[in-house]
């Protein structure tokens, strides 16, 4: 019984690289096993059966081939197994397990939140698109390796316009699913535990926020000529006053409010995180809600995003600003979510503690909130100028 690593020079590729194969012999039988690695003949040591140090990825390739060689030898020593049965064993499907786990969450069979199920659904969509684009029959647990990691990232970037943060969210789910499946004994693939198989954390936001003066301009804008814009302006302001996500503003009901010591408060559970929030109701918000009959459930998010841009343009929020790599009039960058970000940022500029902002807006991670806040160095300096330290 032996297994030898060799380079197959008979059919080189156009760039001159050749496939690395594993030759195995056992009880008079022999077979060549193709690997997924190709190197130049000059980069391979035939005597040692190893990729030379001159190749930038020699350590990773040699380690992977060593594991494959061990897998072959481990297989053929099992009772009733031989070289011909190798590779015919059924591989557990990562995608099938992912879908099954998502369904368990959706149906309430776990203690995980519905927002987690949505994250799983998002990964199912993308990894299925990746499978079809790469013309793969399936993706097994054993297929989740560094080559998959890099190729999946490239696919998301090239085909889905997905940045590092979005990729990191998918990797977070993959790592969780791999761990759960391994605990159930479905695979022995430890690649997801390595330092290189990492998720990317969010960087400080480059998205714009609206200042208090700009919010005031929206409040005072006369939109009596267009009822749809007037209604959208009201919903945007309510989202701002309550540090609220767009989808939560649509679910507001009168019984979400209570009164204590002459002051109204809003108490609701966030749709995304299922976290309960309690926030004081300012008079302007109460006026809008009464005017709208406590019903802000109309339209769609895409249309709302178009309308709020129009509203901000009419309010002359047209200062040239930079978001990402674009520099445009500010109104072009405003979306429904700008309301929530603007409220949190303006509270921070009023020296409200991050802990209080997190409680009011339902943020569970203070670090995430700090990244989310969008105040420039100049904004912070203008607030700090009145501190005793700078007098």
Protein backbone atom coordinates (compact mmCIF):
# COMPACT_ATOMS: atom_id res chain seq x y z
CA UNK A 1 0.00 0.00 0.00
CA UNK A 2 1.53 3.30 -1.05
CA UNK A 3 0.60 6.78 -2.18
CA UNK A 4 3.00 9.02 -4.07
CA UNK A 5 2.60 12.68 -5.03
CA UNK A 6 3.69 13.50 -8.59
CA UNK A 7 3.34 16.16 -11.27
CA UNK A 8 1.50 15.21 -14.47
CA UNK A 9 3.57 16.76 -17.25
CA UNK A 10 1.81 15.01 -20.14
CA UNK A 11 -0.98 17.56 -20.47
CA UNK A 12 0.29 21.00 -19.43
CA UNK A 13 -2.07 23.98 -19.48
CA UNK A 14 -1.53 26.98 -21.75
CA UNK A 15 0.43 28.79 -19.04
CA UNK A 16 2.77 25.81 -18.67
CA UNK A 17 1.46 24.64 -15.30
CA UNK A 18 0.72 20.95 -14.76
CA UNK A 19 -1.66 19.13 -12.47
CA UNK A 20 -0.41 17.56 -9.26
CA UNK A 21 -1.71 14.00 -8.95
CA UNK A 22 -1.54 11.35 -6.26
CA UNK A 23 -0.57 7.87 -7.44
CA UNK A 24 -1.90 5.12 -5.18
CA UNK A 25 -1.19 1.38 -5.30
CA UNK A 26 -2.83 -1.34 -3.25
CA UNK A 27 -3.02 -5.14 -3.69
CA UNK A 28 -1.97 -5.00 -7.34
CA UNK A 29 -4.42 -2.23 -8.15
CA UNK A 30 -3.33 1.31 -8.98
CA UNK A 31 -5.05 4.62 -9.62
CA UNK A 32 -4.16 8.27 -10.25
CA UNK A 33 -6.12 10.87 -8.30
CA UNK A 34 -6.30 14.38 -9.70
CA UNK A 35 -5.98 17.32 -7.29
CA UNK A 36 -7.11 20.91 -7.86
CA UNK A 37 -3.56 22.26 -7.81
CA UNK A 38 -1.40 23.20 -10.81
CA UNK A 39 2.23 24.39 -10.71
CA UNK A 40 5.12 24.74 -13.12
CA UNK A 41 7.37 21.64 -13.35
CA UNK A 42 10.28 23.79 -12.11
CA UNK A 43 8.29 24.51 -8.93
CA UNK A 44 7.86 20.83 -8.02
CA UNK A 45 10.41 18.56 -6.30
CA UNK A 46 9.86 15.11 -7.85
CA UNK A 47 12.06 13.32 -5.32
CA UNK A 48 10.28 14.73 -2.26
CA UNK A 49 6.83 14.94 -3.86
CA UNK A 50 6.48 18.52 -2.64
CA UNK A 51 5.93 21.97 -4.14
CA UNK A 52 9.15 23.96 -3.81
CA UNK A 53 9.55 27.07 -1.71
CA UNK A 54 9.80 29.13 -4.89
CA UNK A 55 6.01 28.86 -5.19
CA UNK A 56 4.27 31.55 -3.06
CA UNK A 57 1.61 29.10 -1.82
CA UNK A 58 3.85 26.07 -1.28
CA UNK A 59 2.91 25.65 2.39
CA UNK A 60 -0.84 25.68 1.76
CA UNK A 61 -0.63 23.38 -1.28
CA UNK A 62 1.66 20.86 0.40
CA UNK A 63 -0.57 20.78 3.48
CA UNK A 64 -3.72 20.25 1.41
CA UNK A 65 -2.16 17.49 -0.69
CA UNK A 66 -0.82 15.85 2.47
CA UNK A 67 -4.36 15.76 3.85
CA UNK A 68 -5.67 14.27 0.60
CA UNK A 69 -2.92 11.63 0.61
CA UNK A 70 -3.84 10.71 4.19
CA UNK A 71 -7.53 10.50 3.24
CA UNK A 72 -6.72 8.04 0.45
CA UNK A 73 -4.63 5.82 2.71
CA UNK A 74 -7.19 5.95 5.51
CA UNK A 75 -9.90 4.87 3.08
CA UNK A 76 -8.22 1.84 1.56
CA UNK A 77 -7.30 0.29 4.92
CA UNK A 78 -10.98 0.15 5.92
CA UNK A 79 -12.57 -3.33 5.68
CA UNK A 80 -14.26 -3.86 2.32
CA UNK A 81 -12.81 -0.72 0.74
CA UNK A 82 -10.35 -0.38 -2.14
CA UNK A 83 -9.10 2.18 -4.64
CA UNK A 84 -12.21 1.78 -6.81
CA UNK A 85 -14.63 2.68 -4.03
CA UNK A 86 -12.71 5.83 -3.11
CA UNK A 87 -14.63 8.97 -3.98
CA UNK A 88 -17.95 7.17 -4.33
CA UNK A 89 -18.96 7.73 -0.73
CA UNK A 90 -21.84 10.18 -0.36
CA UNK A 91 -20.84 13.70 0.67
CA UNK A 92 -23.14 15.65 2.97
CA UNK A 93 -24.57 18.76 1.30
CA UNK A 94 -23.75 22.07 2.97
CA UNK A 95 -26.60 23.80 1.11
CA UNK A 96 -29.20 21.20 2.11
CA UNK A 97 -28.18 21.48 5.76
CA UNK A 98 -28.24 25.29 5.52
CA UNK A 99 -31.80 25.26 4.13
CA UNK A 100 -32.95 22.75 6.75
CA UNK A 101 -31.46 24.82 9.57
CA UNK A 102 -33.05 28.02 8.18
CA UNK A 103 -36.46 26.33 8.10
CA UNK A 104 -36.11 25.23 11.71
CA UNK A 105 -35.45 28.84 12.72
CA UNK A 106 -38.39 30.16 10.65
CA UNK A 107 -40.76 27.60 12.15
CA UNK A 108 -39.75 28.48 15.71
CA UNK A 109 -38.00 25.19 16.49
CA UNK A 110 -34.95 27.06 17.86
CA UNK A 111 -34.48 30.06 20.14
CA UNK A 112 -32.90 32.06 17.30
CA UNK A 113 -34.57 35.24 16.02
CA UNK A 114 -36.39 35.61 12.70
CA UNK A 115 -33.74 38.14 11.66
CA UNK A 116 -31.25 35.25 11.83
CA UNK A 117 -33.47 33.27 9.45
CA UNK A 118 -33.32 36.20 7.03
CA UNK A 119 -29.51 36.15 7.19
CA UNK A 120 -29.61 32.42 6.37
CA UNK A 121 -32.01 33.06 3.48
CA UNK A 122 -29.67 35.72 2.10
CA UNK A 123 -26.76 33.25 2.16
CA UNK A 124 -28.91 30.53 0.56
CA UNK A 125 -29.70 32.90 -2.31
CA UNK A 126 -26.07 33.88 -2.88
CA UNK A 127 -24.46 30.46 -2.46
CA UNK A 128 -27.06 28.91 -4.79
CA UNK A 129 -26.30 31.59 -7.38
CA UNK A 130 -22.59 30.85 -6.90
CA UNK A 131 -23.16 27.10 -7.35
CA UNK A 132 -25.08 27.64 -10.59
CA UNK A 133 -22.62 30.23 -11.92
CA UNK A 134 -19.68 27.89 -11.31
CA UNK A 135 -21.67 24.96 -12.78
CA UNK A 136 -21.33 22.84 -9.64
CA UNK A 137 -23.70 19.97 -8.86
CA UNK A 138 -23.66 20.80 -5.17
CA UNK A 139 -21.46 22.22 -2.40
CA UNK A 140 -20.54 19.76 0.33
CA UNK A 141 -19.01 20.46 3.74
CA UNK A 142 -15.66 19.27 2.36
CA UNK A 143 -15.89 21.86 -0.44
CA UNK A 144 -15.73 24.69 2.09
CA UNK A 145 -12.01 25.49 1.92
CA UNK A 146 -9.79 28.50 1.26
CA UNK A 147 -10.26 28.16 -2.50
CA UNK A 148 -14.02 28.34 -1.99
CA UNK A 149 -13.55 31.28 0.42
CA UNK A 150 -11.59 33.33 -2.14
CA UNK A 151 -13.74 32.36 -5.12
CA UNK A 152 -17.01 33.05 -3.27
CA UNK A 153 -15.69 36.48 -2.28
CA UNK A 154 -14.75 37.18 -5.92
CA UNK A 155 -18.19 36.07 -7.12
CA UNK A 156 -19.99 38.29 -4.62
CA UNK A 157 -17.84 41.26 -5.58
CA UNK A 158 -17.99 40.79 -9.36
CA UNK A 159 -21.54 39.51 -9.82
CA UNK A 160 -23.48 40.85 -6.82
CA UNK A 161 -21.71 44.16 -6.09
CA UNK A 162 -21.20 42.90 -2.52
CA UNK A 163 -18.45 44.55 -0.44
CA UNK A 164 -16.29 43.15 2.33
CA UNK A 165 -18.83 43.84 5.06
CA UNK A 166 -21.57 41.96 3.18
CA UNK A 167 -19.14 39.12 2.47
CA UNK A 168 -18.25 39.06 6.16
CA UNK A 169 -21.92 38.60 7.11
CA UNK A 170 -22.15 35.55 4.82
CA UNK A 171 -18.92 34.12 6.25
CA UNK A 172 -20.29 34.54 9.77
CA UNK A 173 -23.28 32.35 8.85
CA UNK A 174 -21.05 29.80 7.09
CA UNK A 175 -18.83 29.47 10.16
CA UNK A 176 -21.87 28.99 12.42
CA UNK A 177 -23.41 26.36 10.13
CA UNK A 178 -20.09 24.51 9.77
CA UNK A 179 -19.70 24.41 13.55
CA UNK A 180 -23.26 23.16 14.12
CA UNK A 181 -22.88 20.47 11.45
CA UNK A 182 -19.54 19.32 12.86
CA UNK A 183 -21.05 18.97 16.33
CA UNK A 184 -23.65 16.68 14.73
CA UNK A 185 -20.86 14.56 13.21
CA UNK A 186 -21.65 15.48 9.59
CA UNK A 187 -18.07 16.43 8.68
CA UNK A 188 -14.52 16.76 10.01
CA UNK A 189 -13.52 19.88 8.07
CA UNK A 190 -11.79 22.37 10.40
CA UNK A 191 -10.87 25.01 7.82
CA UNK A 192 -13.57 27.39 9.11
CA UNK A 193 -11.73 27.60 12.45
CA UNK A 194 -8.51 28.96 10.94
CA UNK A 195 -7.38 32.55 11.15
CA UNK A 196 -7.49 33.00 7.37
CA UNK A 197 -11.15 31.94 7.13
CA UNK A 198 -12.26 35.18 8.70
CA UNK A 199 -15.17 37.58 8.53
CA UNK A 200 -14.53 41.26 7.88
CA UNK A 201 -15.81 43.70 10.47
CA UNK A 202 -17.61 46.89 9.54
CA UNK A 203 -15.52 49.99 9.04
CA UNK A 204 -16.64 53.46 10.14
CA UNK A 205 -19.58 54.55 8.04
CA UNK A 206 -19.05 56.92 5.12
CA UNK A 207 -22.78 57.48 4.69
CA UNK A 208 -24.18 60.98 5.21
CA UNK A 209 -26.45 62.24 7.95
CA UNK A 210 -28.72 65.29 8.09
CA UNK A 211 -27.92 68.08 10.53
CA UNK A 212 -30.56 69.57 12.82
CA UNK A 213 -30.78 72.62 10.53
CA UNK A 214 -31.42 70.36 7.54
CA UNK A 215 -34.10 68.45 9.47
CA UNK A 216 -35.70 71.82 10.30
CA UNK A 217 -35.69 72.72 6.59
CA UNK A 218 -37.58 69.50 5.85
CA UNK A 219 -40.06 70.23 8.66
CA UNK A 220 -40.79 73.74 7.36
CA UNK A 221 -41.01 72.81 3.67
CA UNK A 222 -44.42 73.55 2.12
CA UNK A 223 -45.57 70.37 0.36
CA UNK A 224 -49.28 71.17 0.16
CA UNK A 225 -49.06 70.86 -3.64
CA UNK A 226 -48.20 67.12 -3.43
CA UNK A 227 -50.00 64.91 -0.91
CA UNK A 228 -47.74 61.91 -1.54
CA UNK A 229 -44.57 63.89 -0.79
CA UNK A 230 -46.21 65.49 2.24
CA UNK A 231 -47.12 62.07 3.60
CA UNK A 232 -43.62 60.69 2.95
CA UNK A 233 -42.05 63.70 4.66
CA UNK A 234 -44.17 62.97 7.75
CA UNK A 235 -43.09 59.33 7.89
CA UNK A 236 -39.43 60.28 7.48
CA UNK A 237 -39.70 62.78 10.34
CA UNK A 238 -41.41 60.22 12.59
CA UNK A 239 -38.56 57.78 11.87
CA UNK A 240 -36.13 60.56 12.80
CA UNK A 241 -37.94 61.52 16.02
CA UNK A 242 -38.04 57.87 17.17
CA UNK A 243 -34.61 56.70 15.85
CA UNK A 244 -36.66 54.14 13.98
CA UNK A 245 -36.07 51.87 11.00
CA UNK A 246 -38.30 52.31 7.96
CA UNK A 247 -40.03 48.95 8.39
CA UNK A 248 -40.83 49.71 12.04
CA UNK A 249 -42.37 53.09 11.18
CA UNK A 250 -44.89 51.28 8.95
CA UNK A 251 -46.14 49.15 11.86
CA UNK A 252 -46.87 51.97 14.34
CA UNK A 253 -50.25 51.63 16.08
CA UNK A 254 -51.99 53.84 18.61
CA UNK A 255 -51.83 51.16 21.31
CA UNK A 256 -47.99 51.31 21.14
CA UNK A 257 -48.18 54.56 23.14
CA UNK A 258 -48.70 55.17 26.85
CA UNK A 259 -48.74 58.25 29.07
CA UNK A 260 -46.85 58.77 32.30
CA UNK A 261 -46.71 61.98 34.35
CA UNK A 262 -48.21 63.95 31.46
CA UNK A 263 -45.67 62.73 28.88
CA UNK A 264 -46.33 60.31 26.01
CA UNK A 265 -43.97 57.40 25.35
CA UNK A 266 -43.66 54.92 22.50
CA UNK A 267 -43.11 51.25 23.38
CA UNK A 268 -42.59 48.82 20.51
CA UNK A 269 -40.67 45.70 19.50
CA UNK A 270 -38.26 46.06 16.57
CA UNK A 271 -39.01 43.81 13.62
CA UNK A 272 -35.34 43.16 12.78
CA UNK A 273 -33.96 42.38 16.25
CA UNK A 274 -37.16 41.78 18.26
CA UNK A 275 -35.70 44.14 20.87
CA UNK A 276 -38.16 46.23 22.88
CA UNK A 277 -37.62 50.00 22.79
CA UNK A 278 -39.17 52.78 24.86
CA UNK A 279 -38.70 56.37 23.70
CA UNK A 280 -40.22 59.74 24.68
CA UNK A 281 -42.61 61.27 22.16
CA UNK A 282 -41.87 64.85 21.17
CA UNK A 283 -44.80 67.15 20.44
CA UNK A 284 -44.03 67.33 16.71
CA UNK A 285 -44.20 63.54 16.43
CA UNK A 286 -47.51 63.42 18.30
CA UNK A 287 -48.99 66.06 15.97
CA UNK A 288 -47.99 64.08 12.87
CA UNK A 289 -49.31 60.80 14.25
CA UNK A 290 -52.68 62.34 15.10
CA UNK A 291 -52.85 63.96 11.67
CA UNK A 292 -52.16 60.60 10.00
CA UNK A 293 -54.47 58.61 12.28
CA UNK A 294 -51.48 56.67 13.63
CA UNK A 295 -51.19 54.95 10.24
CA UNK A 296 -47.91 55.25 8.33
CA UNK A 297 -48.24 51.96 6.45
CA UNK A 298 -48.27 52.97 2.80
CA UNK A 299 -46.08 52.87 -0.30
CA UNK A 300 -42.88 50.89 -0.77
CA UNK A 301 -39.28 51.37 0.29
CA UNK A 302 -37.97 52.02 -3.27
CA UNK A 303 -40.64 54.67 -3.87
CA UNK A 304 -40.02 56.19 -0.44
CA UNK A 305 -36.30 56.47 -1.23
CA UNK A 306 -37.10 58.31 -4.45
CA UNK A 307 -39.59 60.61 -2.71
CA UNK A 308 -37.29 61.57 0.18
CA UNK A 309 -34.58 62.56 -2.31
CA UNK A 310 -37.08 64.83 -4.04
CA UNK A 311 -38.13 66.31 -0.68
CA UNK A 312 -34.52 67.04 0.30
CA UNK A 313 -33.83 68.61 -3.08
CA UNK A 314 -36.86 70.88 -2.63
CA UNK A 315 -35.57 71.77 0.84
CA UNK A 316 -32.29 72.87 -0.82
CA UNK A 317 -30.17 70.29 0.98
CA UNK A 318 -27.68 70.51 -1.84
CA UNK A 319 -24.26 70.98 -0.24
CA UNK A 320 -21.59 69.01 -2.12
CA UNK A 321 -20.61 66.01 0.04
CA UNK A 322 -18.60 62.83 -0.40
CA UNK A 323 -20.02 59.37 0.24
CA UNK A 324 -17.78 56.47 -0.64
CA UNK A 325 -16.00 57.52 -3.82
CA UNK A 326 -18.77 59.85 -5.07
CA UNK A 327 -19.08 63.59 -4.54
CA UNK A 328 -22.59 64.87 -5.25
CA UNK A 329 -25.26 67.21 -3.84
CA UNK A 330 -26.24 65.84 -0.42
CA UNK A 331 -29.89 65.17 -1.30
CA UNK A 332 -28.79 62.50 -3.80
CA UNK A 333 -27.46 60.33 -0.95
CA UNK A 334 -30.50 60.58 1.35
CA UNK A 335 -32.53 57.38 1.88
CA UNK A 336 -35.25 56.35 4.33
CA UNK A 337 -32.56 54.99 6.67
CA UNK A 338 -30.85 58.39 6.81
CA UNK A 339 -33.52 59.40 9.36
CA UNK A 340 -32.34 56.86 11.95
CA UNK A 341 -28.65 57.56 11.37
CA UNK A 342 -29.21 61.33 11.56
CA UNK A 343 -31.12 61.09 14.85
CA UNK A 344 -28.40 58.97 16.49
CA UNK A 345 -25.62 61.23 15.22
CA UNK A 346 -27.36 64.47 16.29
CA UNK A 347 -27.98 63.05 19.77
CA UNK A 348 -24.29 62.14 20.01
CA UNK A 349 -23.37 65.71 19.01
CA UNK A 350 -25.57 66.93 21.89
CA UNK A 351 -23.31 64.92 24.23
CA UNK A 352 -25.94 62.25 24.88
CA UNK A 353 -24.16 59.08 26.02
CA UNK A 354 -23.79 56.25 23.53
CA UNK A 355 -25.46 53.93 26.06
CA UNK A 356 -28.64 56.06 26.10
CA UNK A 357 -28.66 56.32 22.29
CA UNK A 358 -28.29 52.54 22.08
CA UNK A 359 -31.23 52.01 24.45
CA UNK A 360 -33.47 54.48 22.60
CA UNK A 361 -32.65 53.09 19.16
CA UNK A 362 -32.39 49.43 20.10
CA UNK A 363 -28.73 48.86 19.30
CA UNK A 364 -27.43 45.77 21.11
CA UNK A 365 -23.74 46.33 20.35
CA UNK A 366 -22.16 49.62 21.41
CA UNK A 367 -19.23 49.03 19.04
CA UNK A 368 -21.62 48.71 16.11
CA UNK A 369 -23.32 51.95 17.11
CA UNK A 370 -20.00 53.80 17.30
CA UNK A 371 -19.23 52.70 13.73
CA UNK A 372 -22.75 53.69 12.66
CA UNK A 373 -22.56 57.26 13.99
CA UNK A 374 -21.69 59.66 11.21
CA UNK A 375 -20.10 62.83 12.56
CA UNK A 376 -16.98 64.36 11.05
CA UNK A 377 -13.98 65.55 13.00
CA UNK A 378 -15.14 69.15 12.47
CA UNK A 379 -18.62 68.34 13.83
CA UNK A 380 -17.09 66.93 17.00
CA UNK A 381 -14.71 69.88 17.31
CA UNK A 382 -17.59 72.38 17.10
CA UNK A 383 -19.29 70.60 20.00
CA UNK A 384 -16.07 70.36 22.01
CA UNK A 385 -15.25 74.08 21.65
CA UNK A 386 -17.67 74.94 24.49
CA UNK A 387 -16.17 72.46 26.93
CA UNK A 388 -14.33 73.92 29.92
CA UNK A 389 -11.15 72.16 28.79
CA UNK A 390 -10.91 74.36 25.66
CA UNK A 391 -11.64 77.71 27.36
